Amino acid sequence: MSEMLKIHPPYLLFVGDVDDEVVAKTGFGIAEWRRDDCVGQMRLPGCGVDLGLPDVTLEEAVKAGARTLIVGVAPAGGALPVSWIAALLAALEAGLDIASGLHTRIAAIPNLRQTADELGRKIIDVRQSTRTFPVGTGLKRPGKRLLTVGTDSAVGKKYTALSIHAALRRRGLPATFRATGQTGILIGGGGIAVDAVIADFISGAAETLSPAAAAEHWDVIEGQGCLLHPAYAGVSLGLLFGSQPDVFVVCHEPTRRALASFTQPVPAIHDIIELTIRMGRQTNPKIRCIGASINTAKLEIARARDLLSEFEHQLGVPCTDPIRFGVDTILDALP
């Protein structure tokens, strides 16, 4: 049973005092894909992020039926700010369970663990896997696989994979969304947080996540990081090798100049496509790019359409913004 199945809705999304929307991507993802399960958001003084949900107190959330407070942020390194502990303690005392995707184990914080035990509350650390995985084999297995890759973190890999999975199901095609990060697990109900897997076993975990399947079945695998990211490239490469994708969709945020929370420039989209093909051929010689997902959320609609046309001319593959324009053009390019 996946950890997600033990997390009881409705949810209260906690975003602390962050002021960067990228850091709050977990909260935004759950608010977008599980909105009906959310009673509101809880923000501390100084918070500059708004998930588009009602601001509620703990008492109001419990009165509205909330059962679980979800930590909706993913700061660099996954650490829990000490200043948030009092709010989490109050949530337990108010009658809520806590679910978190941080690298920091909430259950390992003594006063939170003790309070949860005394009150019969649950603390679920989604990013802490209790499973062990083999090393990757590199051996091809039956079934079809699509992987989303990116020019940076938080550019739309998860949203793109979810959108493609939903569109495949609408077309009546057999498909499974394979979550590889904490937010995807919370949304989809299962998966493996690959950035919490010991490095030697990442590709093996990816093989385990998308096992042999029927010839016409699609595994739509959520990508992580970027192959040229100074911090996260190892996870990205292990996921690419283990997923053995037949096809991939590259994801890009065109207004971003530097990597999120870093100073290095964002790699060119065509460089990521070429590198993904070159590296991906190690475990699937037939890998190819079938489209690009361009996150145009910060652009006016007319400019977004023009930019998508420019990228299509430049890259020679269908380009779309899944949230604004859907993914039918990408699905039409599937083998």
C-alpha atoms as a PDB file:
ATOM      1  CA  MET A   1       0.000   0.000   0.000  1.00  0.00           C
ATOM      2  CA  SER A   2       1.383   3.404  -0.905  1.00  0.00           C
ATOM      3  CA  GLU A   3       1.930   6.088   1.713  1.00  0.00           C
ATOM      4  CA  MET A   4      -0.558   8.318  -0.070  1.00  0.00           C
ATOM      5  CA  LEU A   5      -3.410   5.916   0.649  1.00  0.00           C
ATOM      6  CA  LYS A   6      -2.878   6.521   4.366  1.00  0.00           C
ATOM      7  CA  ILE A   7      -3.242  10.307   4.056  1.00  0.00           C
ATOM      8  CA  HIS A   8      -6.781  11.326   4.843  1.00  0.00           C
ATOM      9  CA  PRO A   9      -8.486  14.252   3.076  1.00  0.00           C
ATOM     10  CA  PRO A  10      -9.684  16.937   3.340  1.00  0.00           C
ATOM     11  CA  TYR A  11      -6.358  18.784   3.423  1.00  0.00           C
ATOM     12  CA  LEU A  12      -5.080  22.046   4.861  1.00  0.00           C
ATOM     13  CA  LEU A  13      -2.083  23.202   2.801  1.00  0.00           C
ATOM     14  CA  PHE A  14       0.684  24.804   4.856  1.00  0.00           C
ATOM     15  CA  VAL A  15       3.025  27.185   3.007  1.00  0.00           C
ATOM     16  CA  GLY A  16       4.835  28.722   5.967  1.00  0.00           C
ATOM     17  CA  ASP A  17       6.481  32.079   5.320  1.00  0.00           C
ATOM     18  CA  VAL A  18       8.009  31.425   1.885  1.00  0.00           C
ATOM     19  CA  ASP A  19       8.025  34.140  -0.753  1.00  0.00           C
ATOM     20  CA  ASP A  20       9.030  32.128  -3.829  1.00  0.00           C
ATOM     21  CA  GLU A  21       6.356  30.336  -5.859  1.00  0.00           C
ATOM     22  CA  VAL A  22       8.891  27.752  -7.041  1.00  0.00           C
ATOM     23  CA  VAL A  23       9.524  26.715  -3.444  1.00  0.00           C
ATOM     24  CA  ALA A  24       5.762  26.232  -2.962  1.00  0.00           C
ATOM     25  CA  LYS A  25       5.381  23.910  -5.962  1.00  0.00           C
ATOM     26  CA  THR A  26       4.037  21.088  -3.797  1.00  0.00           C
ATOM     27  CA  GLY A  27       1.214  23.284  -2.553  1.00  0.00           C
ATOM     28  CA  PHE A  28       0.425  24.570  -6.040  1.00  0.00           C
ATOM     29  CA  GLY A  29       0.386  21.053  -7.444  1.00  0.00           C
ATOM     30  CA  ILE A  30      -2.050  19.731  -4.845  1.00  0.00           C
ATOM     31  CA  ALA A  31      -4.231  22.839  -5.127  1.00  0.00           C
ATOM     32  CA  GLU A  32      -4.382  22.376  -8.902  1.00  0.00           C
ATOM     33  CA  TRP A  33      -4.961  18.625  -9.116  1.00  0.00           C
ATOM     34  CA  ARG A  34      -6.730  17.876  -5.804  1.00  0.00           C
ATOM     35  CA  ARG A  35      -8.598  21.147  -5.222  1.00  0.00           C
ATOM     36  CA  ASP A  36     -11.803  19.431  -4.131  1.00  0.00           C
ATOM     37  CA  ASP A  37      -9.862  17.840  -1.272  1.00  0.00           C
ATOM     38  CA  CYS A  38      -8.463  21.164   0.026  1.00  0.00           C
ATOM     39  CA  VAL A  39     -10.266  23.284   2.645  1.00  0.00           C
ATOM     40  CA  GLY A  40      -7.770  26.131   2.412  1.00  0.00           C
ATOM     41  CA  GLN A  41      -4.222  27.332   2.974  1.00  0.00           C
ATOM     42  CA  MET A  42      -2.360  28.311   6.131  1.00  0.00           C
ATOM     43  CA  ARG A  43       0.245  31.049   5.777  1.00  0.00           C
ATOM     44  CA  LEU A  44       2.564  32.490   8.410  1.00  0.00           C
ATOM     45  CA  PRO A  45       3.349  36.233   8.667  1.00  0.00           C
ATOM     46  CA  GLY A  46       5.618  37.336   5.831  1.00  0.00           C
ATOM     47  CA  CYS A  47       4.448  34.674   3.377  1.00  0.00           C
ATOM     48  CA  GLY A  48       4.476  36.017  -0.177  1.00  0.00           C
ATOM     49  CA  VAL A  49       2.888  33.017  -1.887  1.00  0.00           C
ATOM     50  CA  ASP A  50      -0.828  32.504  -2.525  1.00  0.00           C
ATOM     51  CA  LEU A  51      -2.097  29.100  -3.650  1.00  0.00           C
ATOM     52  CA  GLY A  52      -5.461  30.568  -4.629  1.00  0.00           C
ATOM     53  CA  LEU A  53      -7.214  28.890  -1.702  1.00  0.00           C
ATOM     54  CA  PRO A  54      -9.006  30.536   1.236  1.00  0.00           C
ATOM     55  CA  ASP A  55      -6.796  31.556   4.146  1.00  0.00           C
ATOM     56  CA  VAL A  56      -8.005  29.668   7.202  1.00  0.00           C
ATOM     57  CA  THR A  57      -6.892  29.198  10.778  1.00  0.00           C
ATOM     58  CA  LEU A  58      -6.371  25.773  12.270  1.00  0.00           C
ATOM     59  CA  GLU A  59      -9.686  26.046  14.082  1.00  0.00           C
ATOM     60  CA  GLU A  60     -11.505  27.021  10.885  1.00  0.00           C
ATOM     61  CA  ALA A  61      -9.839  24.186   8.961  1.00  0.00           C
ATOM     62  CA  VAL A  62     -10.882  21.580  11.535  1.00  0.00           C
ATOM     63  CA  LYS A  63     -14.410  22.980  11.599  1.00  0.00           C
ATOM     64  CA  ALA A  64     -14.484  22.635   7.780  1.00  0.00           C
ATOM     65  CA  GLY A  65     -13.573  18.970   8.122  1.00  0.00           C
ATOM     66  CA  ALA A  66      -9.795  19.008   7.494  1.00  0.00           C
ATOM     67  CA  ARG A  67      -8.031  15.862   8.651  1.00  0.00           C
ATOM     68  CA  THR A  68      -4.463  16.370   7.399  1.00  0.00           C
ATOM     69  CA  LEU A  69      -2.106  19.344   7.226  1.00  0.00           C
ATOM     70  CA  ILE A  70       0.166  18.930   4.214  1.00  0.00           C
ATOM     71  CA  VAL A  71       3.472  20.806   4.185  1.00  0.00           C
ATOM     72  CA  GLY A  72       3.139  22.361   0.741  1.00  0.00           C
ATOM     73  CA  VAL A  73       6.676  23.614   0.238  1.00  0.00           C
ATOM     74  CA  ALA A  74       9.917  22.114  -1.051  1.00  0.00           C
ATOM     75  CA  PRO A  75      12.837  24.447  -0.228  1.00  0.00           C
ATOM     76  CA  ALA A  76      16.292  23.711  -1.627  1.00  0.00           C
ATOM     77  CA  GLY A  77      17.684  20.765   0.286  1.00  0.00           C
ATOM     78  CA  GLY A  78      14.287  19.870   1.711  1.00  0.00           C
ATOM     79  CA  ALA A  79      15.045  21.240   5.185  1.00  0.00           C
ATOM     80  CA  LEU A  80      12.359  22.254   7.702  1.00  0.00           C
ATOM     81  CA  PRO A  81      12.771  25.796   9.104  1.00  0.00           C
ATOM     82  CA  VAL A  82      12.817  25.768  12.900  1.00  0.00           C
ATOM     83  CA  SER A  83      10.339  28.667  12.886  1.00  0.00           C
ATOM     84  CA  TRP A  84       7.638  26.356  11.503  1.00  0.00           C
ATOM     85  CA  ILE A  85       7.737  23.791  14.284  1.00  0.00           C
ATOM     86  CA  ALA A  86       5.347  25.721  16.532  1.00  0.00           C
ATOM     87  CA  ALA A  87       2.704  25.829  13.768  1.00  0.00           C
ATOM     88  CA  LEU A  88       3.052  22.106  13.106  1.00  0.00           C
ATOM     89  CA  LEU A  89       2.791  21.378  16.813  1.00  0.00           C
ATOM     90  CA  ALA A  90      -0.384  23.454  16.977  1.00  0.00           C
ATOM     91  CA  ALA A  91      -1.806  21.492  14.036  1.00  0.00           C
ATOM     92  CA  LEU A  92      -1.322  18.225  15.876  1.00  0.00           C
ATOM     93  CA  GLU A  93      -2.932  19.702  18.987  1.00  0.00           C
ATOM     94  CA  ALA A  94      -5.865  20.913  16.886  1.00  0.00           C
ATOM     95  CA  GLY A  95      -6.536  17.351  15.786  1.00  0.00           C
ATOM     96  CA  LEU A  96      -4.786  17.166  12.393  1.00  0.00           C
ATOM     97  CA  ASP A  97      -2.377  14.589  11.033  1.00  0.00           C
ATOM     98  CA  ILE A  98       0.711  15.944   9.242  1.00  0.00           C
ATOM     99  CA  ALA A  99       2.017  14.839   5.841  1.00  0.00           C
ATOM    100  CA  SER A 100       5.298  16.132   4.489  1.00  0.00           C
ATOM    101  CA  GLY A 101       7.483  15.642   1.445  1.00  0.00           C
ATOM    102  CA  LEU A 102      10.565  17.312   2.916  1.00  0.00           C
ATOM    103  CA  HIS A 103      13.894  15.538   3.234  1.00  0.00           C
ATOM    104  CA  THR A 104      13.776  16.471   6.919  1.00  0.00           C
ATOM    105  CA  ARG A 105      11.809  13.738   8.694  1.00  0.00           C
ATOM    106  CA  ILE A 106       8.995  15.418  10.603  1.00  0.00           C
ATOM    107  CA  ALA A 107       8.597  12.243  12.644  1.00  0.00           C
ATOM    108  CA  ALA A 108      12.209  12.584  13.827  1.00  0.00           C
ATOM    109  CA  ILE A 109      11.586  15.940  15.534  1.00  0.00           C
ATOM    110  CA  PRO A 110      11.196  14.916  19.204  1.00  0.00           C
ATOM    111  CA  ASN A 111       8.433  17.240  20.390  1.00  0.00           C
ATOM    112  CA  LEU A 112       6.370  16.661  17.237  1.00  0.00           C
ATOM    113  CA  ARG A 113       6.798  12.890  17.491  1.00  0.00           C
ATOM    114  CA  GLN A 114       5.922  12.889  21.192  1.00  0.00           C
ATOM    115  CA  THR A 115       2.849  15.054  20.710  1.00  0.00           C
ATOM    116  CA  ALA A 116       1.620  12.941  17.810  1.00  0.00           C
ATOM    117  CA  ASP A 117       2.021   9.765  19.861  1.00  0.00           C
ATOM    118  CA  GLU A 118       0.240  11.240  22.865  1.00  0.00           C
ATOM    119  CA  LEU A 119      -2.698  12.509  20.805  1.00  0.00           C
ATOM    120  CA  GLY A 120      -2.964   9.556  18.441  1.00  0.00           C
ATOM    121  CA  ARG A 121      -2.106  11.660  15.412  1.00  0.00           C
ATOM    122  CA  LYS A 122      -0.144  10.449  12.368  1.00  0.00           C
ATOM    123  CA  ILE A 123       2.996  11.945  10.863  1.00  0.00           C
ATOM    124  CA  ILE A 124       3.603  10.751   7.296  1.00  0.00           C
ATOM    125  CA  ASP A 125       6.988  11.504   5.751  1.00  0.00           C
ATOM    126  CA  VAL A 126       6.233  10.820   2.083  1.00  0.00           C
ATOM    127  CA  ARG A 127       9.831  11.271   0.979  1.00  0.00           C
ATOM    128  CA  GLN A 128      11.152   8.607   3.327  1.00  0.00           C
ATOM    129  CA  SER A 129      10.993   5.297   1.501  1.00  0.00           C
ATOM    130  CA  THR A 130      10.970   2.103   3.519  1.00  0.00           C
ATOM    131  CA  ARG A 131      11.640   0.028   0.394  1.00  0.00           C
ATOM    132  CA  THR A 132      14.918  -1.282  -0.947  1.00  0.00           C
ATOM    133  CA  PHE A 133      15.728  -1.412  -4.637  1.00  0.00           C
ATOM    134  CA  PRO A 134      18.103  -3.387  -6.845  1.00  0.00           C
ATOM    135  CA  VAL A 135      20.729  -1.755  -9.012  1.00  0.00           C
ATOM    136  CA  GLY A 136      19.552  -1.011 -12.529  1.00  0.00           C
ATOM    137  CA  THR A 137      19.937  -3.694 -15.167  1.00  0.00           C
ATOM    138  CA  GLY A 138      19.591  -1.611 -18.318  1.00  0.00           C
ATOM    139  CA  LEU A 139      17.583  -4.469 -19.825  1.00  0.00           C
ATOM    140  CA  LYS A 140      14.630  -3.486 -22.024  1.00  0.00           C
ATOM    141  CA  ARG A 141      11.219  -4.577 -20.783  1.00  0.00           C
ATOM    142  CA  PRO A 142       7.797  -4.764 -22.476  1.00  0.00           C
ATOM    143  CA  GLY A 143       5.425  -1.831 -22.494  1.00  0.00           C
ATOM    144  CA  LYS A 144       5.704   1.772 -23.672  1.00  0.00           C
ATOM    145  CA  ARG A 145       7.196   4.600 -21.645  1.00  0.00           C
ATOM    146  CA  LEU A 146       7.084   8.373 -21.854  1.00  0.00           C
ATOM    147  CA  LEU A 147       9.333  10.499 -19.642  1.00  0.00           C
ATOM    148  CA  THR A 148       9.138  14.242 -19.077  1.00  0.00           C
ATOM    149  CA  VAL A 149      12.529  15.967 -18.874  1.00  0.00           C
ATOM    150  CA  GLY A 150      13.359  19.605 -18.198  1.00  0.00           C
ATOM    151  CA  THR A 151      15.720  22.501 -18.685  1.00  0.00           C
ATOM    152  CA  ASP A 152      15.436  23.164 -14.929  1.00  0.00           C
ATOM    153  CA  SER A 153      13.563  22.143 -11.836  1.00  0.00           C
ATOM    154  CA  ALA A 154       9.945  23.288 -11.422  1.00  0.00           C
ATOM    155  CA  VAL A 155       9.278  23.993 -15.107  1.00  0.00           C
ATOM    156  CA  GLY A 156       6.230  21.759 -15.544  1.00  0.00           C
ATOM    157  CA  LYS A 157       7.434  18.150 -15.778  1.00  0.00           C
ATOM    158  CA  LYS A 158       4.846  16.904 -13.298  1.00  0.00           C
ATOM    159  CA  TYR A 159       1.957  18.940 -14.767  1.00  0.00           C
ATOM    160  CA  THR A 160       2.898  17.778 -18.245  1.00  0.00           C
ATOM    161  CA  ALA A 161       2.998  14.111 -17.224  1.00  0.00           C
ATOM    162  CA  LEU A 162      -0.348  14.410 -15.417  1.00  0.00           C
ATOM    163  CA  SER A 163      -1.898  16.161 -18.415  1.00  0.00           C
ATOM    164  CA  ILE A 164      -0.624  13.536 -20.862  1.00  0.00           C
ATOM    165  CA  HIS A 165      -1.798  10.704 -18.624  1.00  0.00           C
ATOM    166  CA  ALA A 166      -5.276  12.218 -18.325  1.00  0.00           C
ATOM    167  CA  ALA A 167      -5.470  12.767 -22.093  1.00  0.00           C
ATOM    168  CA  LEU A 168      -4.411   9.185 -22.827  1.00  0.00           C
ATOM    169  CA  ARG A 169      -7.142   7.900 -20.527  1.00  0.00           C
ATOM    170  CA  ARG A 170      -9.702  10.139 -22.214  1.00  0.00           C
ATOM    171  CA  ARG A 171      -8.718   8.541 -25.516  1.00  0.00           C
ATOM    172  CA  GLY A 172      -9.341   5.131 -24.006  1.00  0.00           C
ATOM    173  CA  LEU A 173      -5.674   4.131 -24.049  1.00  0.00           C
ATOM    174  CA  PRO A 174      -4.180   2.109 -21.174  1.00  0.00           C
ATOM    175  CA  ALA A 175      -1.869   4.361 -19.186  1.00  0.00           C
ATOM    176  CA  THR A 176      -0.462   4.800 -15.675  1.00  0.00           C
ATOM    177  CA  PHE A 177       0.992   7.949 -14.125  1.00  0.00           C
ATOM    178  CA  ARG A 178       4.270   7.128 -12.385  1.00  0.00           C
ATOM    179  CA  ALA A 179       5.140   9.684  -9.698  1.00  0.00           C
ATOM    180  CA  THR A 180       8.798  10.222  -8.846  1.00  0.00           C
ATOM    181  CA  GLY A 181       8.552  13.138  -6.405  1.00  0.00           C
ATOM    182  CA  GLN A 182       6.714  14.006  -3.235  1.00  0.00           C
ATOM    183  CA  THR A 183       4.055  16.162  -4.890  1.00  0.00           C
ATOM    184  CA  GLY A 184       3.315  13.611  -7.585  1.00  0.00           C
ATOM    185  CA  ILE A 185       2.950  10.938  -4.910  1.00  0.00           C
ATOM    186  CA  LEU A 186       0.518  13.106  -2.965  1.00  0.00           C
ATOM    187  CA  ILE A 187      -1.494  13.794  -6.116  1.00  0.00           C
ATOM    188  CA  GLY A 188      -1.414  10.373  -7.733  1.00  0.00           C
ATOM    189  CA  GLY A 189      -1.638   8.093  -4.738  1.00  0.00           C
ATOM    190  CA  GLY A 190       1.666   6.260  -5.065  1.00  0.00           C
ATOM    191  CA  GLY A 191       5.152   6.277  -6.526  1.00  0.00           C
ATOM    192  CA  ILE A 192       8.801   6.578  -5.494  1.00  0.00           C
ATOM    193  CA  ALA A 193      10.551   9.772  -4.399  1.00  0.00           C
ATOM    194  CA  VAL A 194      13.694   9.069  -6.410  1.00  0.00           C
ATOM    195  CA  ASP A 195      15.704  11.911  -4.893  1.00  0.00           C
ATOM    196  CA  ALA A 196      15.477  10.057  -1.555  1.00  0.00           C
ATOM    197  CA  VAL A 197      16.891   6.827  -3.033  1.00  0.00           C
ATOM    198  CA  ILE A 198      20.584   5.999  -2.508  1.00  0.00           C
ATOM    199  CA  ALA A 199      22.398   7.019  -5.687  1.00  0.00           C
ATOM    200  CA  ASP A 200      23.503   3.527  -6.729  1.00  0.00           C
ATOM    201  CA  PHE A 201      19.889   2.368  -6.801  1.00  0.00           C
ATOM    202  CA  ILE A 202      18.111   5.251  -8.583  1.00  0.00           C
ATOM    203  CA  SER A 203      18.007   3.545 -11.968  1.00  0.00           C
ATOM    204  CA  GLY A 204      16.882   0.318 -10.298  1.00  0.00           C
ATOM    205  CA  ALA A 205      14.119   2.223  -8.511  1.00  0.00           C
ATOM    206  CA  ALA A 206      13.019   3.667 -11.856  1.00  0.00           C
ATOM    207  CA  GLU A 207      12.895   0.168 -13.357  1.00  0.00           C
ATOM    208  CA  THR A 208      10.835  -0.984 -10.368  1.00  0.00           C
ATOM    209  CA  LEU A 209       8.476   1.989 -10.729  1.00  0.00           C
ATOM    210  CA  SER A 210       7.665   1.174 -14.365  1.00  0.00           C
ATOM    211  CA  PRO A 211       7.771  -2.629 -14.615  1.00  0.00           C
ATOM    212  CA  ALA A 212       7.085  -4.830 -17.615  1.00  0.00           C
ATOM    213  CA  ALA A 213       3.622  -4.177 -19.025  1.00  0.00           C
ATOM    214  CA  ALA A 214       1.372  -5.032 -21.938  1.00  0.00           C
ATOM    215  CA  ALA A 215       2.709  -3.966 -25.308  1.00  0.00           C
ATOM    216  CA  GLU A 216       0.178  -1.133 -25.745  1.00  0.00           C
ATOM    217  CA  HIS A 217       0.314   0.181 -22.175  1.00  0.00           C
ATOM    218  CA  TRP A 218       1.869   3.593 -21.542  1.00  0.00           C
ATOM    219  CA  ASP A 219       3.731   4.451 -18.356  1.00  0.00           C
ATOM    220  CA  VAL A 220       3.859   8.250 -18.123  1.00  0.00           C
ATOM    221  CA  ILE A 221       6.823   8.960 -15.880  1.00  0.00           C
ATOM    222  CA  GLU A 222       7.259  12.232 -14.015  1.00  0.00           C
ATOM    223  CA  GLY A 223      10.723  13.642 -14.621  1.00  0.00           C
ATOM    224  CA  GLN A 224      12.988  15.281 -12.032  1.00  0.00           C
ATOM    225  CA  GLY A 225      15.597  18.013 -12.170  1.00  0.00           C
ATOM    226  CA  CYS A 226      17.697  18.561 -15.286  1.00  0.00           C
ATOM    227  CA  LEU A 227      20.579  16.656 -16.881  1.00  0.00           C
ATOM    228  CA  LEU A 228      22.741  19.794 -16.738  1.00  0.00           C
ATOM    229  CA  HIS A 229      21.758  20.919 -13.241  1.00  0.00           C
ATOM    230  CA  PRO A 230      24.766  21.320 -10.909  1.00  0.00           C
ATOM    231  CA  ALA A 231      22.819  19.829  -7.972  1.00  0.00           C
ATOM    232  CA  TYR A 232      20.176  17.474  -9.374  1.00  0.00           C
ATOM    233  CA  ALA A 233      21.677  15.983 -12.537  1.00  0.00           C
ATOM    234  CA  GLY A 234      22.465  12.668 -10.847  1.00  0.00           C
ATOM    235  CA  VAL A 235      18.803  12.016 -10.106  1.00  0.00           C
ATOM    236  CA  SER A 236      17.822  13.059 -13.630  1.00  0.00           C
ATOM    237  CA  LEU A 237      20.318  10.690 -15.253  1.00  0.00           C
ATOM    238  CA  GLY A 238      19.451   7.730 -13.036  1.00  0.00           C
ATOM    239  CA  LEU A 239      15.788   8.255 -13.804  1.00  0.00           C
ATOM    240  CA  LEU A 240      16.491   8.449 -17.538  1.00  0.00           C
ATOM    241  CA  PHE A 241      18.552   5.241 -17.550  1.00  0.00           C
ATOM    242  CA  GLY A 242      16.062   3.291 -15.456  1.00  0.00           C
ATOM    243  CA  SER A 243      12.922   4.563 -17.189  1.00  0.00           C
ATOM    244  CA  GLN A 244      14.254   3.574 -20.622  1.00  0.00           C
ATOM    245  CA  PRO A 245      11.715   5.885 -22.282  1.00  0.00           C
ATOM    246  CA  ASP A 246      10.629   5.239 -25.823  1.00  0.00           C
ATOM    247  CA  VAL A 247       9.732   8.901 -26.097  1.00  0.00           C
ATOM    248  CA  PHE A 248      10.202  12.025 -24.021  1.00  0.00           C
ATOM    249  CA  VAL A 249       8.718  15.504 -23.776  1.00  0.00           C
ATOM    250  CA  VAL A 250      11.049  18.348 -22.875  1.00  0.00           C
ATOM    251  CA  CYS A 251       9.687  20.998 -20.476  1.00  0.00           C
ATOM    252  CA  HIS A 252      10.830  24.610 -20.387  1.00  0.00           C
ATOM    253  CA  GLU A 253       9.985  27.935 -18.742  1.00  0.00           C
ATOM    254  CA  PRO A 254      10.928  30.589 -21.325  1.00  0.00           C
ATOM    255  CA  THR A 255      11.102  33.629 -19.012  1.00  0.00           C
ATOM    256  CA  ARG A 256      13.604  32.034 -16.634  1.00  0.00           C
ATOM    257  CA  ARG A 257      17.200  33.030 -17.205  1.00  0.00           C
ATOM    258  CA  ALA A 258      18.956  31.407 -14.224  1.00  0.00           C
ATOM    259  CA  LEU A 259      18.260  28.018 -12.690  1.00  0.00           C
ATOM    260  CA  ALA A 260      15.717  28.299  -9.886  1.00  0.00           C
ATOM    261  CA  SER A 261      17.484  29.155  -6.592  1.00  0.00           C
ATOM    262  CA  PHE A 262      20.862  28.988  -8.398  1.00  0.00           C
ATOM    263  CA  THR A 263      22.995  31.397 -10.420  1.00  0.00           C
ATOM    264  CA  GLN A 264      23.869  29.220 -13.418  1.00  0.00           C
ATOM    265  CA  PRO A 265      22.034  29.997 -16.682  1.00  0.00           C
ATOM    266  CA  VAL A 266      19.169  27.799 -17.854  1.00  0.00           C
ATOM    267  CA  PRO A 267      20.403  25.371 -20.539  1.00  0.00           C
ATOM    268  CA  ALA A 268      19.117  25.797 -24.075  1.00  0.00           C
ATOM    269  CA  ILE A 269      16.154  23.565 -24.805  1.00  0.00           C
ATOM    270  CA  HIS A 270      17.774  21.999 -27.889  1.00  0.00           C
ATOM    271  CA  ASP A 271      20.858  21.129 -25.822  1.00  0.00           C
ATOM    272  CA  ILE A 272      18.676  19.204 -23.368  1.00  0.00           C
ATOM    273  CA  ILE A 273      16.952  17.367 -26.213  1.00  0.00           C
ATOM    274  CA  GLU A 274      20.279  16.351 -27.773  1.00  0.00           C
ATOM    275  CA  LEU A 275      21.768  15.325 -24.428  1.00  0.00           C
ATOM    276  CA  THR A 276      18.688  13.312 -23.447  1.00  0.00           C
ATOM    277  CA  ILE A 277      18.841  11.384 -26.729  1.00  0.00           C
ATOM    278  CA  ARG A 278      22.570  10.817 -26.454  1.00  0.00           C
ATOM    279  CA  MET A 279      22.412   9.564 -22.864  1.00  0.00           C
ATOM    280  CA  GLY A 280      19.062   7.790 -23.205  1.00  0.00           C
ATOM    281  CA  ARG A 281      20.348   5.605 -26.033  1.00  0.00           C
ATOM    282  CA  GLN A 282      22.440   3.773 -23.447  1.00  0.00           C
ATOM    283  CA  THR A 283      19.315   1.855 -22.317  1.00  0.00           C
ATOM    284  CA  ASN A 284      16.898   2.503 -25.208  1.00  0.00           C
ATOM    285  CA  PRO A 285      18.543   3.062 -28.608  1.00  0.00           C
ATOM    286  CA  LYS A 286      15.201   4.123 -30.117  1.00  0.00           C
ATOM    287  CA  ILE A 287      14.510   7.017 -27.730  1.00  0.00           C
ATOM    288  CA  ARG A 288      13.230  10.204 -29.373  1.00  0.00           C
ATOM    289  CA  CYS A 289      11.658  13.549 -28.518  1.00  0.00           C
ATOM    290  CA  ILE A 290       8.001  13.896 -29.535  1.00  0.00           C
ATOM    291  CA  GLY A 291       7.223  17.347 -28.192  1.00  0.00           C
ATOM    292  CA  ALA A 292       7.939  20.285 -25.951  1.00  0.00           C
ATOM    293  CA  SER A 293       5.902  21.577 -23.033  1.00  0.00           C
ATOM    294  CA  ILE A 294       6.387  25.317 -22.706  1.00  0.00           C
ATOM    295  CA  ASN A 295       5.235  26.910 -19.454  1.00  0.00           C
ATOM    296  CA  THR A 296       3.725  30.207 -20.632  1.00  0.00           C
ATOM    297  CA  ALA A 297       1.979  31.134 -17.371  1.00  0.00           C
ATOM    298  CA  LYS A 298       3.854  34.454 -17.143  1.00  0.00           C
ATOM    299  CA  LEU A 299       3.036  35.476 -20.720  1.00  0.00           C
ATOM    300  CA  GLU A 300      -0.026  37.059 -22.297  1.00  0.00           C
ATOM    301  CA  ILE A 301      -2.032  34.605 -24.369  1.00  0.00           C
ATOM    302  CA  ALA A 302      -1.109  36.147 -27.741  1.00  0.00           C
ATOM    303  CA  ARG A 303       2.590  36.165 -26.899  1.00  0.00           C
ATOM    304  CA  ALA A 304       2.297  32.576 -25.669  1.00  0.00           C
ATOM    305  CA  ARG A 305       0.862  31.415 -28.995  1.00  0.00           C
ATOM    306  CA  ASP A 306       3.575  33.228 -30.946  1.00  0.00           C
ATOM    307  CA  LEU A 307       6.299  31.736 -28.779  1.00  0.00           C
ATOM    308  CA  LEU A 308       4.953  28.215 -29.218  1.00  0.00           C
ATOM    309  CA  SER A 309       5.054  28.699 -32.980  1.00  0.00           C
ATOM    310  CA  GLU A 310       8.645  29.916 -32.738  1.00  0.00           C
ATOM    311  CA  PHE A 311       9.665  26.868 -30.713  1.00  0.00           C
ATOM    312  CA  GLU A 312       7.927  24.500 -33.135  1.00  0.00           C
ATOM    313  CA  HIS A 313       9.854  26.043 -36.022  1.00  0.00           C
ATOM    314  CA  GLN A 314      13.111  25.834 -34.056  1.00  0.00           C
ATOM    315  CA  LEU A 315      12.716  22.309 -32.640  1.00  0.00           C
ATOM    316  CA  GLY A 316      10.652  20.552 -35.305  1.00  0.00           C
ATOM    317  CA  VAL A 317       8.290  18.917 -32.788  1.00  0.00           C
ATOM    318  CA  PRO A 318       4.813  19.869 -31.467  1.00  0.00           C
ATOM    319  CA  CYS A 319       5.007  22.533 -28.765  1.00  0.00           C
ATOM    320  CA  THR A 320       2.215  23.394 -26.350  1.00  0.00           C
ATOM    321  CA  ASP A 321       1.367  24.675 -22.907  1.00  0.00           C
ATOM    322  CA  PRO A 322      -0.584  21.744 -21.388  1.00  0.00           C
ATOM    323  CA  ILE A 323      -2.530  23.908 -18.963  1.00  0.00           C
ATOM    324  CA  ARG A 324      -3.573  26.530 -21.512  1.00  0.00           C
ATOM    325  CA  PHE A 325      -3.800  24.568 -24.735  1.00  0.00           C
ATOM    326  CA  GLY A 326      -3.884  20.869 -23.851  1.00  0.00           C
ATOM    327  CA  VAL A 327      -1.626  18.089 -25.088  1.00  0.00           C
ATOM    328  CA  ASP A 328      -3.484  16.654 -28.082  1.00  0.00           C
ATOM    329  CA  THR A 329      -0.756  17.679 -30.523  1.00  0.00           C
ATOM    330  CA  ILE A 330       1.804  15.751 -28.471  1.00  0.00           C
ATOM    331  CA  LEU A 331      -0.427  12.686 -28.220  1.00  0.00           C
ATOM    332  CA  ASP A 332      -0.882  12.758 -31.981  1.00  0.00           C
ATOM    333  CA  ALA A 333       2.911  12.317 -32.270  1.00  0.00           C
ATOM    334  CA  LEU A 334       3.015   9.144 -30.166  1.00  0.00           C
ATOM    335  CA  PRO A 335       4.245   6.029 -32.000  1.00  0.00           C
END
